[in-house]
PDB file of all heavy atoms in Angstrom:
ATOM      1  N   ILE A   1       5.644   7.646   0.603  1.00  0.00           N
ATOM      2  CA  ILE A   1       4.753   8.310   1.535  1.00  0.00           C
ATOM      3  C   ILE A   1       5.524   8.634   2.807  1.00  0.00           C
ATOM      4  O   ILE A   1       6.529   7.989   3.125  1.00  0.00           O
ATOM      5  CB  ILE A   1       3.500   7.470   1.840  1.00  0.00           C
ATOM      6  CG1 ILE A   1       3.866   6.125   2.464  1.00  0.00           C
ATOM      7  CG2 ILE A   1       2.680   7.231   0.581  1.00  0.00           C
ATOM      8  CD1 ILE A   1       2.649   5.312   2.885  1.00  0.00           C
ATOM      9  N   VAL A   2       5.054   9.641   3.515  1.00  0.00           N
ATOM     10  CA  VAL A   2       5.711  10.067   4.740  1.00  0.00           C
ATOM     11  C   VAL A   2       4.886   9.627   5.943  1.00  0.00           C
ATOM     12  O   VAL A   2       3.755   9.162   5.811  1.00  0.00           O
ATOM     13  CB  VAL A   2       5.905  11.597   4.755  1.00  0.00           C
ATOM     14  CG1 VAL A   2       6.822  12.028   3.625  1.00  0.00           C
ATOM     15  CG2 VAL A   2       4.569  12.316   4.658  1.00  0.00           C
ATOM     16  N   PHE A   3       5.489   9.746   7.082  1.00  0.00           N
ATOM     17  CA  PHE A   3       4.847   9.391   8.350  1.00  0.00           C
ATOM     18  C   PHE A   3       3.430   9.959   8.402  1.00  0.00           C
ATOM     19  O   PHE A   3       3.194  11.129   8.120  1.00  0.00           O
ATOM     20  CB  PHE A   3       5.686   9.941   9.505  1.00  0.00           C
ATOM     21  CG  PHE A   3       5.165   9.596  10.869  1.00  0.00           C
ATOM     22  CD1 PHE A   3       5.712   8.558  11.595  1.00  0.00           C
ATOM     23  CD2 PHE A   3       4.116  10.308  11.439  1.00  0.00           C
ATOM     24  CE1 PHE A   3       5.233   8.242  12.856  1.00  0.00           C
ATOM     25  CE2 PHE A   3       3.631   9.991  12.694  1.00  0.00           C
ATOM     26  CZ  PHE A   3       4.193   8.959  13.401  1.00  0.00           C
ATOM     27  N   GLY A   4       2.471   9.112   8.750  1.00  0.00           N
ATOM     28  CA  GLY A   4       1.091   9.554   8.870  1.00  0.00           C
ATOM     29  C   GLY A   4       0.156   8.705   8.034  1.00  0.00           C
ATOM     30  O   GLY A   4       0.437   7.540   7.745  1.00  0.00           O
ATOM     31  N   THR A   5      -0.959   9.301   7.601  1.00  0.00           N
ATOM     32  CA  THR A   5      -1.993   8.580   6.873  1.00  0.00           C
ATOM     33  C   THR A   5      -2.129   9.139   5.467  1.00  0.00           C
ATOM     34  O   THR A   5      -2.221  10.355   5.269  1.00  0.00           O
ATOM     35  CB  THR A   5      -3.340   8.665   7.599  1.00  0.00           C
ATOM     36  OG1 THR A   5      -3.203   8.115   8.914  1.00  0.00           O
ATOM     37  CG2 THR A   5      -4.416   7.902   6.851  1.00  0.00           C
ATOM     38  N   THR A   6      -2.155   8.233   4.498  1.00  0.00           N
ATOM     39  CA  THR A   6      -2.287   8.587   3.091  1.00  0.00           C
ATOM     40  C   THR A   6      -3.472   7.843   2.492  1.00  0.00           C
ATOM     41  O   THR A   6      -3.673   6.655   2.776  1.00  0.00           O
ATOM     42  CB  THR A   6      -1.014   8.227   2.310  1.00  0.00           C
ATOM     43  OG1 THR A   6       0.090   8.956   2.858  1.00  0.00           O
ATOM     44  CG2 THR A   6      -1.164   8.564   0.839  1.00  0.00           C
ATOM     45  N   GLU A   7      -4.266   8.580   1.674  1.00  0.00           N
ATOM     46  CA  GLU A   7      -5.370   7.934   0.981  1.00  0.00           C
ATOM     47  C   GLU A   7      -4.870   7.216  -0.264  1.00  0.00           C
ATOM     48  O   GLU A   7      -4.072   7.769  -1.032  1.00  0.00           O
ATOM     49  CB  GLU A   7      -6.440   8.956   0.591  1.00  0.00           C
ATOM     50  CG  GLU A   7      -7.298   9.424   1.729  1.00  0.00           C
ATOM     51  CD  GLU A   7      -8.477  10.261   1.251  1.00  0.00           C
ATOM     52  OE1 GLU A   7      -8.536  10.575   0.030  1.00  0.00           O
ATOM     53  OE2 GLU A   7      -9.353  10.587   2.078  1.00  0.00           O
ATOM     54  N   LEU A   8      -5.353   5.991  -0.450  1.00  0.00           N
ATOM     55  CA  LEU A   8      -5.053   5.219  -1.646  1.00  0.00           C
ATOM     56  C   LEU A   8      -6.360   5.023  -2.405  1.00  0.00           C
ATOM     57  O   LEU A   8      -7.270   4.348  -1.933  1.00  0.00           O
ATOM     58  CB  LEU A   8      -4.422   3.876  -1.275  1.00  0.00           C
ATOM     59  CG  LEU A   8      -3.833   3.034  -2.408  1.00  0.00           C
ATOM     60  CD1 LEU A   8      -2.664   3.762  -3.066  1.00  0.00           C
ATOM     61  CD2 LEU A   8      -3.356   1.695  -1.870  1.00  0.00           C
ATOM     62  N   ASP A   9      -6.456   5.654  -3.571  1.00  0.00           N
ATOM     63  CA  ASP A   9      -7.683   5.660  -4.349  1.00  0.00           C
ATOM     64  C   ASP A   9      -7.636   4.565  -5.414  1.00  0.00           C
ATOM     65  O   ASP A   9      -6.826   4.615  -6.335  1.00  0.00           O
ATOM     66  CB  ASP A   9      -7.871   7.024  -5.003  1.00  0.00           C
ATOM     67  CG  ASP A   9      -9.225   7.177  -5.700  1.00  0.00           C
ATOM     68  OD1 ASP A   9      -9.988   6.191  -5.771  1.00  0.00           O
ATOM     69  OD2 ASP A   9      -9.513   8.290  -6.196  1.00  0.00           O
ATOM     70  N   LEU A  10      -8.530   3.572  -5.281  1.00  0.00           N
ATOM     71  CA  LEU A  10      -8.600   2.478  -6.250  1.00  0.00           C
ATOM     72  C   LEU A  10      -9.854   2.556  -7.117  1.00  0.00           C
ATOM     73  O   LEU A  10     -10.292   1.561  -7.681  1.00  0.00           O
ATOM     74  CB  LEU A  10      -8.559   1.123  -5.534  1.00  0.00           C
ATOM     75  CG  LEU A  10      -7.336   0.813  -4.674  1.00  0.00           C
ATOM     76  CD1 LEU A  10      -7.334  -0.660  -4.256  1.00  0.00           C
ATOM     77  CD2 LEU A  10      -6.062   1.164  -5.371  1.00  0.00           C
ATOM     78  N   SER A  11     -10.429   3.753  -7.237  1.00  0.00           N
ATOM     79  CA  SER A  11     -11.664   3.901  -7.991  1.00  0.00           C
ATOM     80  C   SER A  11     -11.503   3.568  -9.469  1.00  0.00           C
ATOM     81  O   SER A  11     -12.486   3.241 -10.140  1.00  0.00           O
ATOM     82  CB  SER A  11     -12.218   5.326  -7.833  1.00  0.00           C
ATOM     83  OG  SER A  11     -11.273   6.297  -8.280  1.00  0.00           O
ATOM     84  N   ASN A  12     -10.282   3.639  -9.984  1.00  0.00           N
ATOM     85  CA  ASN A  12     -10.041   3.337 -11.387  1.00  0.00           C
ATOM     86  C   ASN A  12      -9.753   1.856 -11.653  1.00  0.00           C
ATOM     87  O   ASN A  12      -9.465   1.482 -12.790  1.00  0.00           O
ATOM     88  CB  ASN A  12      -8.885   4.177 -11.929  1.00  0.00           C
ATOM     89  CG  ASN A  12      -9.219   5.655 -12.001  1.00  0.00           C
ATOM     90  OD1 ASN A  12     -10.372   6.035 -12.246  1.00  0.00           O
ATOM     91  ND2 ASN A  12      -8.226   6.500 -11.787  1.00  0.00           N
ATOM     92  N   TYR A  13      -9.829   1.045 -10.593  1.00  0.00           N
ATOM     93  CA  TYR A  13      -9.504  -0.370 -10.732  1.00  0.00           C
ATOM     94  C   TYR A  13     -10.729  -1.237 -10.458  1.00  0.00           C
ATOM     95  O   TYR A  13     -11.661  -0.824  -9.766  1.00  0.00           O
ATOM     96  CB  TYR A  13      -8.353  -0.753  -9.797  1.00  0.00           C
ATOM     97  CG  TYR A  13      -7.098   0.043 -10.062  1.00  0.00           C
ATOM     98  CD1 TYR A  13      -6.691   1.046  -9.185  1.00  0.00           C
ATOM     99  CD2 TYR A  13      -6.340  -0.184 -11.194  1.00  0.00           C
ATOM    100  CE1 TYR A  13      -5.554   1.788  -9.430  1.00  0.00           C
ATOM    101  CE2 TYR A  13      -5.197   0.556 -11.454  1.00  0.00           C
ATOM    102  CZ  TYR A  13      -4.812   1.546 -10.565  1.00  0.00           C
ATOM    103  OH  TYR A  13      -3.681   2.295 -10.813  1.00  0.00           O
ATOM    104  N   ASN A  14     -10.712  -2.434 -11.007  1.00  0.00           N
ATOM    105  CA  ASN A  14     -11.823  -3.358 -10.855  1.00  0.00           C
ATOM    106  C   ASN A  14     -11.908  -3.897  -9.430  1.00  0.00           C
ATOM    107  O   ASN A  14     -10.937  -3.859  -8.665  1.00  0.00           O
ATOM    108  CB  ASN A  14     -11.685  -4.522 -11.834  1.00  0.00           C
ATOM    109  CG  ASN A  14     -11.763  -4.087 -13.285  1.00  0.00           C
ATOM    110  OD1 ASN A  14     -12.466  -3.139 -13.623  1.00  0.00           O
ATOM    111  ND2 ASN A  14     -11.041  -4.787 -14.159  1.00  0.00           N
ATOM    112  N   THR A  15     -13.084  -4.405  -9.073  1.00  0.00           N
ATOM    113  CA  THR A  15     -13.219  -5.083  -7.798  1.00  0.00           C
ATOM    114  C   THR A  15     -12.344  -6.334  -7.771  1.00  0.00           C
ATOM    115  O   THR A  15     -12.072  -6.944  -8.810  1.00  0.00           O
ATOM    116  CB  THR A  15     -14.676  -5.474  -7.534  1.00  0.00           C
ATOM    117  OG1 THR A  15     -15.137  -6.338  -8.586  1.00  0.00           O
ATOM    118  CG2 THR A  15     -15.558  -4.247  -7.479  1.00  0.00           C
ATOM    119  N   GLY A  16     -11.896  -6.714  -6.585  1.00  0.00           N
ATOM    120  CA  GLY A  16     -11.050  -7.896  -6.468  1.00  0.00           C
ATOM    121  C   GLY A  16      -9.995  -7.727  -5.398  1.00  0.00           C
ATOM    122  O   GLY A  16     -10.066  -6.848  -4.538  1.00  0.00           O
ATOM    123  N   ILE A  17      -8.985  -8.581  -5.447  1.00  0.00           N
ATOM    124  CA  ILE A  17      -7.918  -8.616  -4.461  1.00  0.00           C
ATOM    125  C   ILE A  17      -6.673  -7.922  -5.018  1.00  0.00           C
ATOM    126  O   ILE A  17      -6.263  -8.158  -6.153  1.00  0.00           O
ATOM    127  CB  ILE A  17      -7.582 -10.063  -4.061  1.00  0.00           C
ATOM    128  CG1 ILE A  17      -8.791 -10.702  -3.366  1.00  0.00           C
ATOM    129  CG2 ILE A  17      -6.352 -10.119  -3.153  1.00  0.00           C
ATOM    130  CD1 ILE A  17      -8.620 -12.186  -3.099  1.00  0.00           C
ATOM    131  N   TYR A  18      -6.058  -7.092  -4.178  1.00  0.00           N
ATOM    132  CA  TYR A  18      -4.815  -6.415  -4.502  1.00  0.00           C
ATOM    133  C   TYR A  18      -3.837  -6.620  -3.346  1.00  0.00           C
ATOM    134  O   TYR A  18      -4.241  -6.868  -2.206  1.00  0.00           O
ATOM    135  CB  TYR A  18      -5.044  -4.925  -4.750  1.00  0.00           C
ATOM    136  CG  TYR A  18      -5.929  -4.657  -5.951  1.00  0.00           C
ATOM    137  CD1 TYR A  18      -7.314  -4.692  -5.831  1.00  0.00           C
ATOM    138  CD2 TYR A  18      -5.381  -4.396  -7.186  1.00  0.00           C
ATOM    139  CE1 TYR A  18      -8.130  -4.486  -6.935  1.00  0.00           C
ATOM    140  CE2 TYR A  18      -6.190  -4.171  -8.305  1.00  0.00           C
ATOM    141  CZ  TYR A  18      -7.560  -4.217  -8.167  1.00  0.00           C
ATOM    142  OH  TYR A  18      -8.357  -4.012  -9.264  1.00  0.00           O
ATOM    143  N   LEU A  19      -2.569  -6.521  -3.652  1.00  0.00           N
ATOM    144  CA  LEU A  19      -1.538  -6.669  -2.630  1.00  0.00           C
ATOM    145  C   LEU A  19      -0.727  -5.385  -2.532  1.00  0.00           C
ATOM    146  O   LEU A  19      -0.233  -4.870  -3.525  1.00  0.00           O
ATOM    147  CB  LEU A  19      -0.611  -7.842  -2.960  1.00  0.00           C
ATOM    148  CG  LEU A  19      -1.253  -9.218  -2.989  1.00  0.00           C
ATOM    149  CD1 LEU A  19      -0.214 -10.276  -3.325  1.00  0.00           C
ATOM    150  CD2 LEU A  19      -1.919  -9.547  -1.671  1.00  0.00           C
ATOM    151  N   LEU A  20      -0.628  -4.887  -1.302  1.00  0.00           N
ATOM    152  CA  LEU A  20       0.114  -3.675  -1.019  1.00  0.00           C
ATOM    153  C   LEU A  20       1.420  -4.041  -0.330  1.00  0.00           C
ATOM    154  O   LEU A  20       1.419  -4.582   0.773  1.00  0.00           O
ATOM    155  CB  LEU A  20      -0.705  -2.743  -0.135  1.00  0.00           C
ATOM    156  CG  LEU A  20      -0.043  -1.388   0.194  1.00  0.00           C
ATOM    157  CD1 LEU A  20       0.016  -0.505  -1.045  1.00  0.00           C
ATOM    158  CD2 LEU A  20      -0.790  -0.698   1.326  1.00  0.00           C
ATOM    159  N   LYS A  21       2.525  -3.739  -0.977  1.00  0.00           N
ATOM    160  CA  LYS A  21       3.840  -3.982  -0.404  1.00  0.00           C
ATOM    161  C   LYS A  21       4.380  -2.672   0.157  1.00  0.00           C
ATOM    162  O   LYS A  21       4.460  -1.667  -0.550  1.00  0.00           O
ATOM    163  CB  LYS A  21       4.797  -4.530  -1.463  1.00  0.00           C
ATOM    164  CG  LYS A  21       6.217  -4.752  -0.966  1.00  0.00           C
ATOM    165  CD  LYS A  21       7.128  -5.147  -2.115  1.00  0.00           C
ATOM    166  CE  LYS A  21       8.571  -5.223  -1.656  1.00  0.00           C
ATOM    167  NZ  LYS A  21       9.489  -5.481  -2.798  1.00  0.00           N
ATOM    168  N   VAL A  22       4.751  -2.685   1.429  1.00  0.00           N
ATOM    169  CA  VAL A  22       5.272  -1.513   2.120  1.00  0.00           C
ATOM    170  C   VAL A  22       6.729  -1.772   2.475  1.00  0.00           C
ATOM    171  O   VAL A  22       7.051  -2.752   3.146  1.00  0.00           O
ATOM    172  CB  VAL A  22       4.456  -1.199   3.390  1.00  0.00           C
ATOM    173  CG1 VAL A  22       5.012   0.031   4.085  1.00  0.00           C
ATOM    174  CG2 VAL A  22       2.982  -1.014   3.050  1.00  0.00           C
ATOM    175  N   THR A  23       7.625  -0.887   2.041  1.00  0.00           N
ATOM    176  CA  THR A  23       9.053  -1.019   2.316  1.00  0.00           C
ATOM    177  C   THR A  23       9.535   0.209   3.067  1.00  0.00           C
ATOM    178  O   THR A  23       9.434   1.336   2.567  1.00  0.00           O
ATOM    179  CB  THR A  23       9.861  -1.163   1.009  1.00  0.00           C
ATOM    180  OG1 THR A  23       9.341  -2.249   0.236  1.00  0.00           O
ATOM    181  CG2 THR A  23      11.331  -1.407   1.309  1.00  0.00           C
ATOM    182  N   ASN A  24      10.046   0.013   4.290  1.00  0.00           N
ATOM    183  CA  ASN A  24      10.501   1.160   5.070  1.00  0.00           C
ATOM    184  C   ASN A  24      11.938   1.530   4.704  1.00  0.00           C
ATOM    185  O   ASN A  24      12.563   0.924   3.822  1.00  0.00           O
ATOM    186  CB  ASN A  24      10.340   0.901   6.572  1.00  0.00           C
ATOM    187  CG  ASN A  24      11.269  -0.180   7.112  1.00  0.00           C
ATOM    188  OD1 ASN A  24      12.226  -0.608   6.466  1.00  0.00           O
ATOM    189  ND2 ASN A  24      10.981  -0.636   8.330  1.00  0.00           N
ATOM    190  N   GLU A  25      12.484   2.515   5.400  1.00  0.00           N
ATOM    191  CA  GLU A  25      13.809   3.025   5.071  1.00  0.00           C
ATOM    192  C   GLU A  25      14.924   2.046   5.395  1.00  0.00           C
ATOM    193  O   GLU A  25      16.055   2.201   4.929  1.00  0.00           O
ATOM    194  CB  GLU A  25      14.039   4.360   5.790  1.00  0.00           C
ATOM    195  CG  GLU A  25      13.109   5.478   5.288  1.00  0.00           C
ATOM    196  CD  GLU A  25      13.261   6.775   6.049  1.00  0.00           C
ATOM    197  OE1 GLU A  25      13.359   6.697   7.309  1.00  0.00           O
ATOM    198  OE2 GLU A  25      13.295   7.851   5.434  1.00  0.00           O
ATOM    199  N   ASN A  26      14.615   1.049   6.222  1.00  0.00           N
ATOM    200  CA  ASN A  26      15.588  -0.007   6.527  1.00  0.00           C
ATOM    201  C   ASN A  26      15.446  -1.205   5.594  1.00  0.00           C
ATOM    202  O   ASN A  26      16.008  -2.276   5.843  1.00  0.00           O
ATOM    203  CB  ASN A  26      15.439  -0.454   7.981  1.00  0.00           C
ATOM    204  CG  ASN A  26      15.782   0.635   8.970  1.00  0.00           C
ATOM    205  OD1 ASN A  26      16.729   1.398   8.767  1.00  0.00           O
ATOM    206  ND2 ASN A  26      15.003   0.733  10.053  1.00  0.00           N
ATOM    207  N   ASN A  27      14.657  -1.028   4.535  1.00  0.00           N
ATOM    208  CA  ASN A  27      14.422  -2.061   3.531  1.00  0.00           C
ATOM    209  C   ASN A  27      13.692  -3.277   4.085  1.00  0.00           C
ATOM    210  O   ASN A  27      13.812  -4.383   3.573  1.00  0.00           O
ATOM    211  CB  ASN A  27      15.739  -2.499   2.863  1.00  0.00           C
ATOM    212  CG  ASN A  27      15.520  -3.044   1.460  1.00  0.00           C
ATOM    213  OD1 ASN A  27      14.654  -2.573   0.725  1.00  0.00           O
ATOM    214  ND2 ASN A  27      16.318  -4.035   1.092  1.00  0.00           N
ATOM    215  N   GLN A  28      12.930  -3.084   5.166  1.00  0.00           N
ATOM    216  CA  GLN A  28      12.065  -4.123   5.691  1.00  0.00           C
ATOM    217  C   GLN A  28      10.706  -4.019   5.009  1.00  0.00           C
ATOM    218  O   GLN A  28      10.222  -2.926   4.739  1.00  0.00           O
ATOM    219  CB  GLN A  28      11.898  -3.986   7.206  1.00  0.00           C
ATOM    220  CG  GLN A  28      13.204  -4.126   7.981  1.00  0.00           C
ATOM    221  CD  GLN A  28      13.052  -3.729   9.426  1.00  0.00           C
ATOM    222  OE1 GLN A  28      12.407  -2.721   9.736  1.00  0.00           O
ATOM    223  NE2 GLN A  28      13.643  -4.503  10.319  1.00  0.00           N
ATOM    224  N   THR A  29      10.090  -5.157   4.723  1.00  0.00           N
ATOM    225  CA  THR A  29       8.856  -5.145   3.953  1.00  0.00           C
ATOM    226  C   THR A  29       7.704  -5.796   4.703  1.00  0.00           C
ATOM    227  O   THR A  29       7.905  -6.688   5.534  1.00  0.00           O
ATOM    228  CB  THR A  29       9.041  -5.855   2.599  1.00  0.00           C
ATOM    229  OG1 THR A  29       9.313  -7.238   2.823  1.00  0.00           O
ATOM    230  CG2 THR A  29      10.148  -5.231   1.788  1.00  0.00           C
ATOM    231  N   GLN A  30       6.527  -5.322   4.418  1.00  0.00           N
ATOM    232  CA  GLN A  30       5.289  -5.921   4.869  1.00  0.00           C
ATOM    233  C   GLN A  30       4.351  -6.007   3.675  1.00  0.00           C
ATOM    234  O   GLN A  30       4.387  -5.159   2.790  1.00  0.00           O
ATOM    235  CB  GLN A  30       4.628  -5.099   5.974  1.00  0.00           C
ATOM    236  CG  GLN A  30       5.479  -4.891   7.208  1.00  0.00           C
ATOM    237  CD  GLN A  30       4.774  -4.055   8.263  1.00  0.00           C
ATOM    238  OE1 GLN A  30       3.554  -3.969   8.274  1.00  0.00           O
ATOM    239  NE2 GLN A  30       5.523  -3.460   9.170  1.00  0.00           N
ATOM    240  N   THR A  31       3.501  -7.002   3.669  1.00  0.00           N
ATOM    241  CA  THR A  31       2.544  -7.180   2.591  1.00  0.00           C
ATOM    242  C   THR A  31       1.140  -7.257   3.168  1.00  0.00           C
ATOM    243  O   THR A  31       0.891  -8.033   4.091  1.00  0.00           O
ATOM    244  CB  THR A  31       2.846  -8.449   1.785  1.00  0.00           C
ATOM    245  OG1 THR A  31       4.178  -8.390   1.297  1.00  0.00           O
ATOM    246  CG2 THR A  31       1.885  -8.586   0.615  1.00  0.00           C
ATOM    247  N   VAL A  32       0.236  -6.445   2.638  1.00  0.00           N
ATOM    248  CA  VAL A  32      -1.132  -6.375   3.121  1.00  0.00           C
ATOM    249  C   VAL A  32      -2.077  -6.672   1.956  1.00  0.00           C
ATOM    250  O   VAL A  32      -1.900  -6.131   0.868  1.00  0.00           O
ATOM    251  CB  VAL A  32      -1.460  -4.996   3.713  1.00  0.00           C
ATOM    252  CG1 VAL A  32      -2.868  -4.991   4.307  1.00  0.00           C
ATOM    253  CG2 VAL A  32      -0.436  -4.596   4.763  1.00  0.00           C
ATOM    254  N   LYS A  33      -3.063  -7.518   2.200  1.00  0.00           N
ATOM    255  CA  LYS A  33      -4.066  -7.795   1.193  1.00  0.00           C
ATOM    256  C   LYS A  33      -5.170  -6.757   1.263  1.00  0.00           C
ATOM    257  O   LYS A  33      -5.728  -6.509   2.334  1.00  0.00           O
ATOM    258  CB  LYS A  33      -4.657  -9.190   1.369  1.00  0.00           C
ATOM    259  CG  LYS A  33      -5.686  -9.542   0.285  1.00  0.00           C
ATOM    260  CD  LYS A  33      -6.145 -10.977   0.384  1.00  0.00           C
ATOM    261  CE  LYS A  33      -7.146 -11.172   1.483  1.00  0.00           C
ATOM    262  NZ  LYS A  33      -7.777 -12.527   1.451  1.00  0.00           N
TER     263      LYS A  33
END
């Protein structure tokens, strides 16, 4: 994804908890529940 806001559509997935891992160009990571 590029700078800005992107929609993430989970309509095809069941209810529950998911983990989103974000890795920037410097290979730094963040994890969001």
